[in-house]
């Protein structure tokens, strides 16, 4: 059974000591989706939202969120990110936007939380900028898609809901 690393032997929350870990290259990719009405989707896709460039603002928000993860998530380490990219895939048939956040660093701990926070911040920004048109948007399936580096090795999310490590 896996051990909860953020809990000490007395059950208290703790920040994990990574001072003895090797500094290695680490990458994490996270994904999430937002589904919206056809009217709202068309406005975003065509740049017609009155608040401005929705995807441009969401990209910046995602990068800013990833950079500030340690301020938002208790017990996360402050990491010096060497890359953070937020990309969008438009799914016209489903009126859905897929957000992908890729984060890299050289460090003693992984960047999974930074990638997940980046996706979440981007999705929330899209919601905020579009809520005047569609309050029934749904954020969904925010997940770690891939992790490379570190002691636990390579992880790839499989759509079946099961995980694969190796």
N, C-alpha and C. Protein backbone atom coordinates (compact mmCIF):
# COMPACT_ATOMS: atom_id res chain seq x y z
N UNK A 1 0.84 -1.18 0.00
CA UNK A 1 0.00 0.00 0.00
C UNK A 1 0.88 1.24 0.00
N UNK A 2 0.52 2.20 -0.80
CA UNK A 2 1.28 3.44 -0.91
C UNK A 2 1.17 4.26 0.37
N UNK A 3 2.26 4.92 0.71
CA UNK A 3 2.31 5.75 1.91
C UNK A 3 1.93 7.18 1.55
N UNK A 4 1.16 7.83 2.42
CA UNK A 4 0.83 9.24 2.23
C UNK A 4 2.03 10.06 2.70
N UNK A 5 2.70 10.72 1.77
CA UNK A 5 3.95 11.40 2.09
C UNK A 5 3.77 12.73 2.81
N UNK A 6 2.57 13.30 2.77
CA UNK A 6 2.34 14.59 3.41
C UNK A 6 1.76 14.47 4.82
N UNK A 7 1.80 13.25 5.35
CA UNK A 7 1.31 13.00 6.71
C UNK A 7 2.44 12.34 7.50
N UNK A 8 2.75 12.88 8.70
CA UNK A 8 3.80 12.26 9.50
C UNK A 8 3.25 11.10 10.31
N UNK A 9 4.12 10.45 11.10
CA UNK A 9 3.72 9.26 11.87
C UNK A 9 2.65 9.54 12.91
N UNK A 10 2.45 10.81 13.28
CA UNK A 10 1.42 11.19 14.25
C UNK A 10 0.13 11.66 13.57
N UNK A 11 0.12 11.64 12.23
CA UNK A 11 -1.07 12.06 11.50
C UNK A 11 -1.12 13.56 11.19
N UNK A 12 -0.02 14.26 11.44
CA UNK A 12 0.04 15.69 11.18
C UNK A 12 0.46 15.97 9.74
N UNK A 13 -0.08 17.04 9.18
CA UNK A 13 0.35 17.46 7.84
C UNK A 13 1.79 17.93 7.90
N UNK A 14 2.53 17.64 6.82
CA UNK A 14 3.92 18.07 6.76
C UNK A 14 4.32 18.30 5.31
N UNK A 15 5.31 19.15 5.14
CA UNK A 15 5.90 19.34 3.82
C UNK A 15 6.98 18.27 3.66
N UNK A 16 6.97 17.57 2.56
CA UNK A 16 7.92 16.49 2.33
C UNK A 16 9.32 17.07 2.19
N UNK A 17 10.28 16.42 2.83
CA UNK A 17 11.68 16.83 2.74
C UNK A 17 12.27 16.24 1.45
N UNK A 18 12.59 17.10 0.50
CA UNK A 18 13.17 16.63 -0.77
C UNK A 18 14.65 16.99 -0.87
N UNK A 19 15.26 17.38 0.24
CA UNK A 19 16.65 17.84 0.22
C UNK A 19 17.63 16.76 -0.19
N UNK A 20 17.30 15.50 0.00
CA UNK A 20 18.20 14.41 -0.36
C UNK A 20 17.92 13.84 -1.75
N UNK A 21 16.88 14.32 -2.41
CA UNK A 21 16.54 13.80 -3.74
C UNK A 21 17.49 14.36 -4.79
N UNK A 22 17.71 13.58 -5.83
CA UNK A 22 18.54 14.03 -6.95
C UNK A 22 17.81 15.10 -7.75
N UNK A 23 18.56 16.07 -8.20
CA UNK A 23 18.02 17.10 -9.09
C UNK A 23 18.00 16.48 -10.48
N UNK A 24 16.81 16.33 -11.03
CA UNK A 24 16.66 15.73 -12.36
C UNK A 24 15.67 16.54 -13.18
N UNK A 25 15.65 16.25 -14.45
CA UNK A 25 14.69 16.88 -15.35
C UNK A 25 13.33 16.24 -15.10
N UNK A 26 12.32 17.08 -14.93
CA UNK A 26 10.97 16.60 -14.64
C UNK A 26 9.98 17.33 -15.54
N UNK A 27 9.02 16.57 -16.06
CA UNK A 27 8.00 17.12 -16.95
C UNK A 27 6.65 16.57 -16.53
N UNK A 28 5.64 17.41 -16.58
CA UNK A 28 4.27 16.95 -16.35
C UNK A 28 3.36 17.61 -17.38
N UNK A 29 2.39 16.83 -17.85
CA UNK A 29 1.38 17.32 -18.78
C UNK A 29 0.02 17.03 -18.15
N UNK A 30 -0.81 18.05 -18.06
CA UNK A 30 -2.17 17.89 -17.52
C UNK A 30 -3.17 18.35 -18.57
N UNK A 31 -4.36 17.78 -18.49
CA UNK A 31 -5.44 18.15 -19.42
C UNK A 31 -6.73 18.35 -18.67
N UNK A 32 -7.62 19.13 -19.29
CA UNK A 32 -8.97 19.32 -18.79
C UNK A 32 -9.83 19.88 -19.91
N UNK A 33 -11.14 19.89 -19.68
CA UNK A 33 -12.08 20.28 -20.72
C UNK A 33 -13.13 21.24 -20.18
N UNK A 34 -13.64 22.08 -21.07
CA UNK A 34 -14.81 22.88 -20.75
C UNK A 34 -15.78 22.75 -21.92
N UNK A 35 -17.01 22.41 -21.60
CA UNK A 35 -18.06 22.25 -22.60
C UNK A 35 -19.04 23.39 -22.42
N UNK A 36 -19.50 23.96 -23.54
CA UNK A 36 -20.36 25.13 -23.48
C UNK A 36 -21.40 25.08 -24.59
N UNK A 37 -22.32 26.04 -24.54
CA UNK A 37 -23.36 26.11 -25.57
C UNK A 37 -22.72 26.43 -26.92
N UNK A 38 -23.45 26.12 -27.98
CA UNK A 38 -22.96 26.40 -29.33
C UNK A 38 -22.74 27.90 -29.53
N UNK A 39 -23.65 28.72 -29.02
CA UNK A 39 -23.50 30.17 -29.14
C UNK A 39 -22.22 30.65 -28.48
N UNK A 40 -21.99 30.21 -27.28
CA UNK A 40 -20.80 30.62 -26.53
C UNK A 40 -19.53 30.11 -27.23
N UNK A 41 -19.53 28.86 -27.63
CA UNK A 41 -18.39 28.26 -28.31
C UNK A 41 -18.03 29.05 -29.57
N UNK A 42 -19.04 29.40 -30.36
CA UNK A 42 -18.80 30.16 -31.59
C UNK A 42 -18.19 31.53 -31.28
N UNK A 43 -18.65 32.18 -30.23
CA UNK A 43 -18.08 33.47 -29.84
C UNK A 43 -16.61 33.33 -29.44
N UNK A 44 -16.30 32.29 -28.67
CA UNK A 44 -14.90 32.07 -28.28
C UNK A 44 -14.05 31.76 -29.50
N UNK A 45 -14.51 30.83 -30.33
CA UNK A 45 -13.76 30.40 -31.50
C UNK A 45 -13.51 31.55 -32.48
N UNK A 46 -14.48 32.42 -32.63
CA UNK A 46 -14.37 33.51 -33.60
C UNK A 46 -13.90 34.83 -33.00
N UNK A 47 -13.54 34.84 -31.72
CA UNK A 47 -13.03 36.05 -31.09
C UNK A 47 -14.08 37.12 -30.88
N UNK A 48 -15.33 36.70 -30.70
CA UNK A 48 -16.41 37.67 -30.57
C UNK A 48 -16.89 37.94 -29.16
N UNK A 49 -16.23 37.39 -28.15
CA UNK A 49 -16.66 37.61 -26.77
C UNK A 49 -16.35 39.05 -26.38
N UNK A 50 -17.30 39.73 -25.75
CA UNK A 50 -17.14 41.15 -25.44
C UNK A 50 -15.99 41.42 -24.46
N UNK A 51 -15.62 40.45 -23.64
CA UNK A 51 -14.53 40.66 -22.68
C UNK A 51 -13.16 40.57 -23.34
N UNK A 52 -13.11 40.17 -24.61
CA UNK A 52 -11.82 40.11 -25.30
C UNK A 52 -11.41 38.71 -25.69
N UNK A 53 -10.12 38.53 -25.88
CA UNK A 53 -9.51 37.28 -26.34
C UNK A 53 -9.53 36.26 -25.21
N UNK A 54 -10.54 35.41 -25.21
CA UNK A 54 -10.74 34.44 -24.13
C UNK A 54 -9.56 33.49 -24.02
N UNK A 55 -9.14 32.90 -25.11
CA UNK A 55 -8.07 31.91 -25.05
C UNK A 55 -6.72 32.55 -24.73
N UNK A 56 -6.49 33.77 -25.20
CA UNK A 56 -5.26 34.47 -24.85
C UNK A 56 -5.18 34.75 -23.35
N UNK A 57 -6.29 35.22 -22.80
CA UNK A 57 -6.33 35.47 -21.35
C UNK A 57 -6.19 34.18 -20.56
N UNK A 58 -6.84 33.12 -21.04
CA UNK A 58 -6.77 31.82 -20.36
C UNK A 58 -5.35 31.27 -20.40
N UNK A 59 -4.65 31.47 -21.50
CA UNK A 59 -3.26 31.00 -21.60
C UNK A 59 -2.40 31.69 -20.53
N UNK A 60 -2.51 33.00 -20.44
CA UNK A 60 -1.72 33.74 -19.45
C UNK A 60 -2.11 33.31 -18.03
N UNK A 61 -3.40 33.14 -17.77
CA UNK A 61 -3.85 32.71 -16.45
C UNK A 61 -3.30 31.33 -16.10
N UNK A 62 -3.28 30.43 -17.07
CA UNK A 62 -2.74 29.09 -16.83
C UNK A 62 -1.27 29.13 -16.47
N UNK A 63 -0.50 29.93 -17.19
CA UNK A 63 0.92 30.06 -16.90
C UNK A 63 1.13 30.69 -15.53
N UNK A 64 0.38 31.74 -15.24
CA UNK A 64 0.49 32.39 -13.92
C UNK A 64 0.10 31.44 -12.80
N UNK A 65 -0.97 30.66 -13.02
CA UNK A 65 -1.39 29.70 -12.00
C UNK A 65 -0.33 28.65 -11.73
N UNK A 66 0.28 28.13 -12.78
CA UNK A 66 1.32 27.12 -12.62
C UNK A 66 2.50 27.70 -11.84
N UNK A 67 2.88 28.93 -12.14
CA UNK A 67 4.01 29.57 -11.47
C UNK A 67 3.74 29.82 -9.99
N UNK A 68 2.47 29.94 -9.61
CA UNK A 68 2.13 30.29 -8.22
C UNK A 68 1.50 29.13 -7.45
N UNK A 69 1.69 27.93 -7.94
CA UNK A 69 1.07 26.76 -7.32
C UNK A 69 1.40 26.65 -5.84
N UNK A 70 2.64 26.91 -5.47
CA UNK A 70 3.04 26.75 -4.06
C UNK A 70 2.32 27.73 -3.14
N UNK A 71 1.78 28.81 -3.70
CA UNK A 71 1.00 29.76 -2.90
C UNK A 71 -0.45 29.34 -2.77
N UNK A 72 -0.90 28.46 -3.65
CA UNK A 72 -2.31 28.05 -3.67
C UNK A 72 -2.57 26.70 -3.01
N UNK A 73 -1.63 25.79 -3.16
CA UNK A 73 -1.81 24.42 -2.67
C UNK A 73 -0.92 24.22 -1.45
N UNK A 74 -1.52 23.97 -0.28
CA UNK A 74 -0.71 23.80 0.93
C UNK A 74 0.31 22.67 0.76
N UNK A 75 1.49 22.89 1.27
CA UNK A 75 2.58 21.92 1.34
C UNK A 75 3.30 21.68 0.03
N UNK A 76 2.92 22.39 -1.05
CA UNK A 76 3.66 22.27 -2.32
C UNK A 76 4.96 23.04 -2.21
N UNK A 77 5.99 22.49 -2.84
CA UNK A 77 7.28 23.17 -2.88
C UNK A 77 7.26 24.28 -3.93
N UNK A 78 8.02 25.32 -3.67
CA UNK A 78 8.22 26.37 -4.65
C UNK A 78 9.24 25.86 -5.66
N UNK A 79 8.86 25.83 -6.94
CA UNK A 79 9.74 25.30 -7.98
C UNK A 79 10.11 26.38 -8.98
N UNK A 80 11.32 26.32 -9.48
CA UNK A 80 11.77 27.21 -10.54
C UNK A 80 11.45 26.52 -11.86
N UNK A 81 10.38 26.95 -12.51
CA UNK A 81 9.95 26.31 -13.74
C UNK A 81 10.82 26.76 -14.90
N UNK A 82 11.19 25.81 -15.75
CA UNK A 82 11.97 26.14 -16.94
C UNK A 82 11.09 26.23 -18.17
N UNK A 83 9.87 25.68 -18.09
CA UNK A 83 8.92 25.79 -19.19
C UNK A 83 7.51 25.68 -18.64
N UNK A 84 6.62 26.47 -19.20
CA UNK A 84 5.19 26.30 -18.94
C UNK A 84 4.46 26.73 -20.21
N UNK A 85 3.74 25.81 -20.79
CA UNK A 85 2.99 26.10 -22.02
C UNK A 85 1.54 25.67 -21.81
N UNK A 86 0.62 26.52 -22.25
CA UNK A 86 -0.81 26.20 -22.19
C UNK A 86 -1.33 26.24 -23.62
N UNK A 87 -1.91 25.13 -24.05
CA UNK A 87 -2.41 25.01 -25.42
C UNK A 87 -3.87 24.59 -25.41
N UNK A 88 -4.55 24.90 -26.52
CA UNK A 88 -5.98 24.63 -26.64
C UNK A 88 -6.25 23.81 -27.88
N UNK A 89 -7.17 22.87 -27.75
CA UNK A 89 -7.69 22.13 -28.89
C UNK A 89 -9.19 22.35 -28.90
N UNK A 90 -9.70 22.85 -30.02
CA UNK A 90 -11.13 23.11 -30.15
C UNK A 90 -11.82 21.89 -30.75
N UNK A 91 -12.86 21.42 -30.10
CA UNK A 91 -13.64 20.27 -30.55
C UNK A 91 -15.00 20.81 -30.99
N UNK A 92 -15.10 21.18 -32.26
CA UNK A 92 -16.30 21.83 -32.80
C UNK A 92 -17.57 21.02 -32.60
N UNK A 93 -17.49 19.71 -32.87
CA UNK A 93 -18.69 18.88 -32.81
C UNK A 93 -19.29 18.79 -31.42
N UNK A 94 -18.46 18.96 -30.38
CA UNK A 94 -18.92 18.85 -29.00
C UNK A 94 -19.03 20.20 -28.30
N UNK A 95 -18.68 21.29 -29.01
CA UNK A 95 -18.62 22.63 -28.38
C UNK A 95 -17.80 22.56 -27.10
N UNK A 96 -16.62 21.97 -27.24
CA UNK A 96 -15.76 21.71 -26.09
C UNK A 96 -14.35 22.19 -26.39
N UNK A 97 -13.71 22.76 -25.39
CA UNK A 97 -12.32 23.20 -25.50
C UNK A 97 -11.47 22.34 -24.58
N UNK A 98 -10.44 21.77 -25.14
CA UNK A 98 -9.48 20.98 -24.37
C UNK A 98 -8.29 21.88 -24.04
N UNK A 99 -7.91 21.90 -22.77
CA UNK A 99 -6.76 22.69 -22.32
C UNK A 99 -5.66 21.72 -21.92
N UNK A 100 -4.46 21.96 -22.42
CA UNK A 100 -3.29 21.15 -22.07
C UNK A 100 -2.23 22.08 -21.50
N UNK A 101 -1.68 21.71 -20.35
CA UNK A 101 -0.61 22.49 -19.72
C UNK A 101 0.60 21.58 -19.57
N UNK A 102 1.73 22.01 -20.13
CA UNK A 102 2.99 21.27 -20.03
C UNK A 102 3.97 22.10 -19.21
N UNK A 103 4.52 21.47 -18.18
CA UNK A 103 5.43 22.16 -17.28
C UNK A 103 6.71 21.34 -17.13
N UNK A 104 7.85 22.04 -17.12
CA UNK A 104 9.15 21.38 -16.94
C UNK A 104 9.97 22.13 -15.90
N UNK A 105 10.83 21.38 -15.22
CA UNK A 105 11.79 21.98 -14.32
C UNK A 105 12.96 21.02 -14.10
N UNK A 106 14.01 21.55 -13.52
CA UNK A 106 15.11 20.75 -13.00
C UNK A 106 14.96 20.84 -11.50
N UNK A 107 14.63 19.73 -10.85
CA UNK A 107 14.39 19.82 -9.42
C UNK A 107 14.38 18.48 -8.72
N UNK A 108 14.10 18.57 -7.43
CA UNK A 108 14.06 17.38 -6.59
C UNK A 108 12.66 16.87 -6.34
N UNK A 109 11.67 17.49 -6.95
CA UNK A 109 10.29 17.02 -6.81
C UNK A 109 9.55 17.34 -8.11
N UNK A 110 8.47 16.63 -8.33
CA UNK A 110 7.76 16.71 -9.61
C UNK A 110 6.94 17.98 -9.79
N UNK A 111 6.48 18.16 -11.02
CA UNK A 111 5.73 19.35 -11.40
C UNK A 111 4.28 19.03 -11.74
N UNK A 112 3.77 17.91 -11.24
CA UNK A 112 2.39 17.52 -11.53
C UNK A 112 1.39 18.55 -11.04
N UNK A 113 1.57 19.06 -9.83
CA UNK A 113 0.62 20.02 -9.28
C UNK A 113 0.64 21.33 -10.06
N UNK A 114 1.79 21.72 -10.57
CA UNK A 114 1.88 22.93 -11.36
C UNK A 114 1.10 22.78 -12.67
N UNK A 115 1.23 21.62 -13.32
CA UNK A 115 0.50 21.38 -14.57
C UNK A 115 -1.00 21.34 -14.32
N UNK A 116 -1.42 20.68 -13.25
CA UNK A 116 -2.85 20.60 -12.92
C UNK A 116 -3.41 21.97 -12.54
N UNK A 117 -2.63 22.76 -11.82
CA UNK A 117 -3.07 24.11 -11.45
C UNK A 117 -3.16 24.99 -12.68
N UNK A 118 -2.21 24.85 -13.60
CA UNK A 118 -2.25 25.61 -14.84
C UNK A 118 -3.51 25.34 -15.65
N UNK A 119 -3.85 24.06 -15.79
CA UNK A 119 -5.08 23.69 -16.50
C UNK A 119 -6.30 24.27 -15.80
N UNK A 120 -6.35 24.14 -14.50
CA UNK A 120 -7.50 24.62 -13.72
C UNK A 120 -7.67 26.12 -13.85
N UNK A 121 -6.58 26.87 -13.74
CA UNK A 121 -6.65 28.33 -13.86
C UNK A 121 -7.11 28.75 -15.26
N UNK A 122 -6.64 28.06 -16.28
CA UNK A 122 -7.06 28.38 -17.65
C UNK A 122 -8.55 28.10 -17.84
N UNK A 123 -9.01 26.96 -17.35
CA UNK A 123 -10.43 26.61 -17.47
C UNK A 123 -11.31 27.59 -16.71
N UNK A 124 -10.90 27.96 -15.52
CA UNK A 124 -11.69 28.91 -14.73
C UNK A 124 -11.74 30.28 -15.40
N UNK A 125 -10.66 30.66 -16.07
CA UNK A 125 -10.65 31.94 -16.78
C UNK A 125 -11.61 31.91 -17.96
N UNK A 126 -11.63 30.80 -18.68
CA UNK A 126 -12.60 30.67 -19.78
C UNK A 126 -14.00 30.81 -19.22
N UNK A 127 -14.29 30.11 -18.12
CA UNK A 127 -15.62 30.20 -17.52
C UNK A 127 -15.94 31.65 -17.15
N UNK A 128 -15.01 32.31 -16.48
CA UNK A 128 -15.24 33.68 -16.03
C UNK A 128 -15.52 34.62 -17.20
N UNK A 129 -14.78 34.47 -18.27
CA UNK A 129 -14.94 35.39 -19.40
C UNK A 129 -16.19 35.09 -20.23
N UNK A 130 -16.76 33.89 -20.07
CA UNK A 130 -17.91 33.48 -20.89
C UNK A 130 -19.22 33.37 -20.11
N UNK A 131 -19.19 33.53 -18.81
CA UNK A 131 -20.38 33.26 -18.00
C UNK A 131 -21.56 34.16 -18.32
N UNK A 132 -21.33 35.33 -18.88
CA UNK A 132 -22.45 36.20 -19.25
C UNK A 132 -23.27 35.60 -20.39
N UNK A 133 -22.65 34.74 -21.18
CA UNK A 133 -23.33 34.11 -22.31
C UNK A 133 -23.87 32.73 -21.93
N UNK A 134 -23.12 31.98 -21.10
CA UNK A 134 -23.50 30.60 -20.77
C UNK A 134 -23.06 30.26 -19.35
N UNK A 135 -24.00 30.21 -18.43
CA UNK A 135 -23.68 29.84 -17.05
C UNK A 135 -23.73 28.33 -16.83
N UNK A 136 -24.06 27.57 -17.86
CA UNK A 136 -24.16 26.11 -17.73
C UNK A 136 -22.93 25.39 -18.29
N UNK A 137 -21.84 26.12 -18.46
CA UNK A 137 -20.60 25.47 -18.91
C UNK A 137 -20.18 24.44 -17.87
N UNK A 138 -19.52 23.39 -18.34
CA UNK A 138 -19.08 22.32 -17.45
C UNK A 138 -17.57 22.10 -17.62
N UNK A 139 -16.86 22.20 -16.52
CA UNK A 139 -15.44 21.85 -16.48
C UNK A 139 -15.37 20.38 -16.14
N UNK A 140 -14.51 19.62 -16.85
CA UNK A 140 -14.50 18.18 -16.61
C UNK A 140 -13.14 17.55 -16.89
N UNK A 141 -12.99 16.36 -16.34
CA UNK A 141 -11.88 15.46 -16.63
C UNK A 141 -10.51 16.13 -16.51
N UNK A 142 -10.32 16.92 -15.48
CA UNK A 142 -9.00 17.51 -15.22
C UNK A 142 -8.14 16.38 -14.68
N UNK A 143 -7.03 16.11 -15.36
CA UNK A 143 -6.23 14.96 -14.96
C UNK A 143 -4.77 15.12 -15.39
N UNK A 144 -3.90 14.37 -14.72
CA UNK A 144 -2.51 14.27 -15.12
C UNK A 144 -2.46 13.33 -16.32
N UNK A 145 -1.98 13.82 -17.44
CA UNK A 145 -1.90 13.02 -18.66
C UNK A 145 -0.58 12.27 -18.76
N UNK A 146 0.50 12.90 -18.29
CA UNK A 146 1.80 12.26 -18.37
C UNK A 146 2.76 12.90 -17.38
N UNK A 147 3.66 12.09 -16.86
CA UNK A 147 4.73 12.55 -15.97
C UNK A 147 6.01 11.85 -16.39
N UNK A 148 7.07 12.63 -16.52
CA UNK A 148 8.36 12.08 -16.90
C UNK A 148 9.39 12.54 -15.88
N UNK A 149 10.22 11.61 -15.42
CA UNK A 149 11.31 11.94 -14.52
C UNK A 149 11.00 11.61 -13.08
N UNK A 150 12.02 11.68 -12.26
CA UNK A 150 11.87 11.39 -10.85
C UNK A 150 11.97 9.91 -10.54
N UNK A 151 11.92 9.62 -9.27
CA UNK A 151 12.11 8.26 -8.77
C UNK A 151 11.03 7.29 -9.26
N UNK A 152 9.79 7.76 -9.38
CA UNK A 152 8.70 6.85 -9.75
C UNK A 152 8.62 6.60 -11.25
N UNK A 153 9.45 7.29 -12.05
CA UNK A 153 9.52 6.99 -13.48
C UNK A 153 8.44 7.65 -14.32
N UNK A 154 8.14 7.00 -15.43
CA UNK A 154 7.25 7.54 -16.44
C UNK A 154 5.81 7.06 -16.18
N UNK A 155 4.88 8.00 -16.22
CA UNK A 155 3.46 7.70 -16.03
C UNK A 155 2.70 8.24 -17.22
N UNK A 156 1.78 7.44 -17.75
CA UNK A 156 0.90 7.89 -18.82
C UNK A 156 -0.53 7.52 -18.45
N UNK A 157 -1.41 8.49 -18.47
CA UNK A 157 -2.83 8.27 -18.20
C UNK A 157 -3.46 7.53 -19.37
N UNK A 158 -4.26 6.55 -19.05
CA UNK A 158 -4.99 5.83 -20.10
C UNK A 158 -6.46 6.14 -19.92
N UNK A 159 -7.17 6.37 -21.02
CA UNK A 159 -8.56 6.81 -20.99
C UNK A 159 -9.49 5.82 -20.32
N UNK A 160 -9.05 4.64 -20.09
CA UNK A 160 -9.90 3.65 -19.42
C UNK A 160 -10.09 3.98 -17.95
N UNK A 161 -9.34 4.96 -17.47
CA UNK A 161 -9.43 5.32 -16.05
C UNK A 161 -8.41 4.60 -15.21
N UNK A 162 -7.68 3.67 -15.82
CA UNK A 162 -6.63 2.98 -15.11
C UNK A 162 -5.33 3.70 -15.37
N UNK A 163 -4.37 3.50 -14.53
CA UNK A 163 -3.08 4.16 -14.73
C UNK A 163 -2.04 3.16 -15.17
N UNK A 164 -1.03 3.68 -15.82
CA UNK A 164 0.05 2.85 -16.32
C UNK A 164 1.36 3.48 -15.87
N UNK A 165 2.18 2.71 -15.21
CA UNK A 165 3.49 3.20 -14.77
C UNK A 165 4.55 2.24 -15.25
N UNK A 166 5.71 2.77 -15.50
CA UNK A 166 6.78 1.88 -15.92
C UNK A 166 8.08 2.55 -16.07
